[in-house]
N, C-alpha and C. Protein backbone atom coordinates (compact mmCIF):
# COMPACT_ATOMS: atom_id res chain seq x y z
N MET A 1 171.91 199.56 -68.88
CA MET A 1 171.12 199.39 -70.10
C MET A 1 171.85 198.50 -71.08
N ARG A 2 172.12 197.33 -70.66
CA ARG A 2 172.85 196.37 -71.47
C ARG A 2 172.09 195.99 -72.75
N VAL A 3 170.77 195.90 -72.65
CA VAL A 3 169.97 195.50 -73.81
C VAL A 3 170.15 196.50 -74.94
N LYS A 4 170.11 197.79 -74.61
CA LYS A 4 170.28 198.83 -75.63
C LYS A 4 171.62 198.67 -76.32
N LYS A 5 172.66 198.51 -75.53
CA LYS A 5 174.01 198.38 -76.08
C LYS A 5 174.14 197.13 -76.96
N ASP A 6 173.59 196.01 -76.48
CA ASP A 6 173.68 194.76 -77.23
C ASP A 6 172.91 194.83 -78.55
N ILE A 7 171.70 195.38 -78.51
CA ILE A 7 170.90 195.46 -79.73
C ILE A 7 171.52 196.45 -80.72
N LYS A 8 172.00 197.57 -80.23
CA LYS A 8 172.66 198.55 -81.11
C LYS A 8 173.88 197.91 -81.78
N MET A 9 174.63 197.10 -81.03
CA MET A 9 175.80 196.44 -81.59
C MET A 9 175.39 195.45 -82.69
N LEU A 10 174.32 194.69 -82.43
CA LEU A 10 173.83 193.75 -83.44
C LEU A 10 173.35 194.47 -84.69
N LEU A 11 172.70 195.61 -84.50
CA LEU A 11 172.25 196.39 -85.66
C LEU A 11 173.43 196.85 -86.49
N LEU A 12 174.48 197.33 -85.83
CA LEU A 12 175.68 197.77 -86.54
C LEU A 12 176.36 196.61 -87.26
N GLU A 13 176.50 195.48 -86.56
CA GLU A 13 177.17 194.32 -87.15
C GLU A 13 176.43 193.79 -88.38
N ASN A 14 175.10 193.94 -88.38
CA ASN A 14 174.29 193.42 -89.47
C ASN A 14 173.87 194.51 -90.46
N ASP A 15 174.39 195.73 -90.26
CA ASP A 15 174.09 196.87 -91.14
C ASP A 15 172.58 197.04 -91.32
N VAL A 16 171.87 197.07 -90.18
CA VAL A 16 170.42 197.18 -90.17
C VAL A 16 170.04 198.39 -89.32
N SER A 17 169.03 199.13 -89.75
CA SER A 17 168.58 200.30 -89.00
C SER A 17 167.41 199.95 -88.09
N ILE A 18 167.18 200.81 -87.12
CA ILE A 18 166.02 200.64 -86.24
C ILE A 18 164.74 200.79 -87.07
N THR A 19 164.77 201.63 -88.09
CA THR A 19 163.61 201.80 -88.96
C THR A 19 163.25 200.47 -89.62
N TYR A 20 164.25 199.76 -90.12
CA TYR A 20 164.00 198.45 -90.74
C TYR A 20 163.42 197.48 -89.71
N ILE A 21 163.99 197.46 -88.52
CA ILE A 21 163.51 196.57 -87.46
C ILE A 21 162.05 196.89 -87.15
N ALA A 22 161.72 198.17 -87.03
CA ALA A 22 160.35 198.58 -86.73
C ALA A 22 159.39 198.13 -87.84
N GLN A 23 159.81 198.27 -89.09
CA GLN A 23 158.97 197.85 -90.22
C GLN A 23 158.73 196.35 -90.19
N GLU A 24 159.77 195.58 -89.94
CA GLU A 24 159.64 194.12 -89.90
C GLU A 24 158.80 193.67 -88.71
N MET A 25 158.98 194.33 -87.57
CA MET A 25 158.18 194.00 -86.39
C MET A 25 156.70 194.28 -86.67
N SER A 26 156.43 195.38 -87.36
CA SER A 26 155.05 195.71 -87.72
C SER A 26 154.45 194.64 -88.63
N LYS A 27 155.23 194.19 -89.60
CA LYS A 27 154.75 193.14 -90.52
C LYS A 27 154.45 191.84 -89.77
N LEU A 28 155.37 191.46 -88.88
CA LEU A 28 155.23 190.18 -88.18
C LEU A 28 154.13 190.18 -87.12
N THR A 29 153.90 191.33 -86.50
CA THR A 29 152.91 191.39 -85.42
C THR A 29 151.56 191.93 -85.85
N GLY A 30 151.53 192.63 -86.97
CA GLY A 30 150.30 193.27 -87.41
C GLY A 30 149.99 194.54 -86.63
N LYS A 31 150.94 194.98 -85.82
CA LYS A 31 150.78 196.21 -85.04
C LYS A 31 151.64 197.30 -85.66
N ASN A 32 151.24 198.56 -85.45
CA ASN A 32 152.01 199.68 -85.96
C ASN A 32 153.14 199.99 -84.97
N ILE A 33 154.35 199.61 -85.32
CA ILE A 33 155.52 199.83 -84.46
C ILE A 33 156.44 200.81 -85.18
N SER A 34 156.72 201.93 -84.55
CA SER A 34 157.54 202.96 -85.18
C SER A 34 159.00 202.88 -84.72
N ARG A 35 159.85 203.52 -85.48
CA ARG A 35 161.26 203.62 -85.14
C ARG A 35 161.43 204.30 -83.79
N SER A 36 160.69 205.39 -83.59
CA SER A 36 160.82 206.13 -82.33
C SER A 36 160.34 205.30 -81.14
N ASN A 37 159.33 204.46 -81.35
CA ASN A 37 158.84 203.60 -80.28
C ASN A 37 159.93 202.64 -79.82
N ILE A 38 160.60 201.99 -80.77
CA ILE A 38 161.68 201.06 -80.44
C ILE A 38 162.84 201.81 -79.79
N SER A 39 163.19 202.93 -80.35
CA SER A 39 164.31 203.72 -79.82
C SER A 39 164.04 204.17 -78.39
N GLN A 40 162.82 204.62 -78.12
CA GLN A 40 162.48 205.06 -76.77
C GLN A 40 162.51 203.89 -75.78
N LYS A 41 162.01 202.74 -76.20
CA LYS A 41 162.03 201.58 -75.32
C LYS A 41 163.46 201.16 -75.00
N LEU A 42 164.34 201.23 -75.98
CA LEU A 42 165.75 200.91 -75.73
C LEU A 42 166.38 201.92 -74.77
N THR A 43 166.09 203.18 -74.98
CA THR A 43 166.65 204.23 -74.13
C THR A 43 166.14 204.12 -72.70
N ARG A 44 164.86 203.85 -72.54
CA ARG A 44 164.25 203.77 -71.21
C ARG A 44 164.48 202.43 -70.53
N GLY A 45 164.91 201.45 -71.30
CA GLY A 45 165.10 200.12 -70.74
C GLY A 45 163.79 199.39 -70.52
N THR A 46 162.78 199.68 -71.35
CA THR A 46 161.46 199.09 -71.19
C THR A 46 161.09 198.11 -72.31
N LEU A 47 162.08 197.68 -73.07
CA LEU A 47 161.83 196.71 -74.13
C LEU A 47 161.41 195.39 -73.52
N LYS A 48 160.30 194.82 -73.98
CA LYS A 48 159.81 193.56 -73.44
C LYS A 48 160.65 192.40 -73.98
N TYR A 49 160.65 191.32 -73.21
CA TYR A 49 161.38 190.12 -73.62
C TYR A 49 160.90 189.63 -74.98
N GLU A 50 159.59 189.64 -75.20
CA GLU A 50 159.02 189.20 -76.47
C GLU A 50 159.50 190.07 -77.62
N GLU A 51 159.65 191.36 -77.37
CA GLU A 51 160.14 192.28 -78.40
C GLU A 51 161.61 192.01 -78.71
N ALA A 52 162.39 191.72 -77.68
CA ALA A 52 163.80 191.37 -77.89
C ALA A 52 163.91 190.08 -78.68
N LEU A 53 163.05 189.09 -78.37
CA LEU A 53 163.03 187.84 -79.14
C LEU A 53 162.72 188.11 -80.60
N LEU A 54 161.76 188.99 -80.85
CA LEU A 54 161.37 189.31 -82.22
C LEU A 54 162.50 190.02 -82.97
N ILE A 55 163.17 190.93 -82.32
CA ILE A 55 164.32 191.61 -82.94
C ILE A 55 165.39 190.58 -83.28
N GLY A 56 165.66 189.68 -82.34
CA GLY A 56 166.62 188.61 -82.60
C GLY A 56 166.21 187.76 -83.79
N GLN A 57 164.94 187.41 -83.86
CA GLN A 57 164.43 186.61 -84.97
C GLN A 57 164.63 187.33 -86.30
N ILE A 58 164.34 188.61 -86.34
CA ILE A 58 164.50 189.40 -87.56
C ILE A 58 165.96 189.41 -88.01
N LEU A 59 166.87 189.49 -87.03
CA LEU A 59 168.30 189.54 -87.34
C LEU A 59 168.93 188.15 -87.52
N GLY A 60 168.13 187.11 -87.27
CA GLY A 60 168.65 185.75 -87.44
C GLY A 60 169.34 185.20 -86.20
N TYR A 61 168.95 185.71 -85.03
CA TYR A 61 169.54 185.26 -83.77
C TYR A 61 168.48 184.60 -82.90
N ASP A 62 168.93 183.79 -81.96
CA ASP A 62 168.07 183.17 -80.97
C ASP A 62 168.56 183.59 -79.60
N LEU A 63 167.67 184.05 -78.76
CA LEU A 63 168.05 184.43 -77.40
C LEU A 63 167.91 183.22 -76.49
N LYS A 64 168.90 183.03 -75.63
CA LYS A 64 168.81 181.93 -74.69
C LYS A 64 169.57 182.29 -73.42
N PHE A 65 169.19 181.59 -72.35
CA PHE A 65 169.88 181.78 -71.08
C PHE A 65 171.05 180.81 -71.03
N VAL A 66 172.20 181.33 -70.61
CA VAL A 66 173.40 180.51 -70.50
C VAL A 66 173.87 180.57 -69.06
N ARG A 67 174.00 179.40 -68.45
CA ARG A 67 174.46 179.35 -67.06
C ARG A 67 175.93 179.77 -67.00
N VAL A 68 176.21 180.73 -66.13
CA VAL A 68 177.59 181.22 -65.98
C VAL A 68 178.22 180.78 -64.68
N LYS A 69 177.38 180.30 -63.75
CA LYS A 69 177.92 179.75 -62.51
C LYS A 69 176.94 178.71 -61.98
N PRO A 70 177.42 177.80 -61.17
CA PRO A 70 176.53 176.75 -60.65
C PRO A 70 175.41 177.33 -59.80
N TYR A 71 174.27 176.69 -59.87
CA TYR A 71 173.14 177.07 -59.02
C TYR A 71 173.40 176.56 -57.61
N ILE A 72 173.15 177.41 -56.63
CA ILE A 72 173.41 177.03 -55.23
C ILE A 72 172.29 176.17 -54.71
C-alpha cells in the first residue's frame, strides 16, 4: 500500500488533514466526498488514479511517471 504511505507522508509534510483534502475534493468535483471515504480508499488500496492526481493538485504536486530502468 505504497499510495497510502506516500499520501499520508505528503499530508504530514504539508500539515494538511484528510478532512481538508475531502472538502477541497468536494469543491473541485462537485461531488460529496467525505473524510472516511478517502481514508477507506487509502486503507483498501482502491484510490483511483484521478483521485490521486486531484490530491496532488490540492497539495501543489504533479504526479508523473519516471523511468527507473531502460525499457527492454
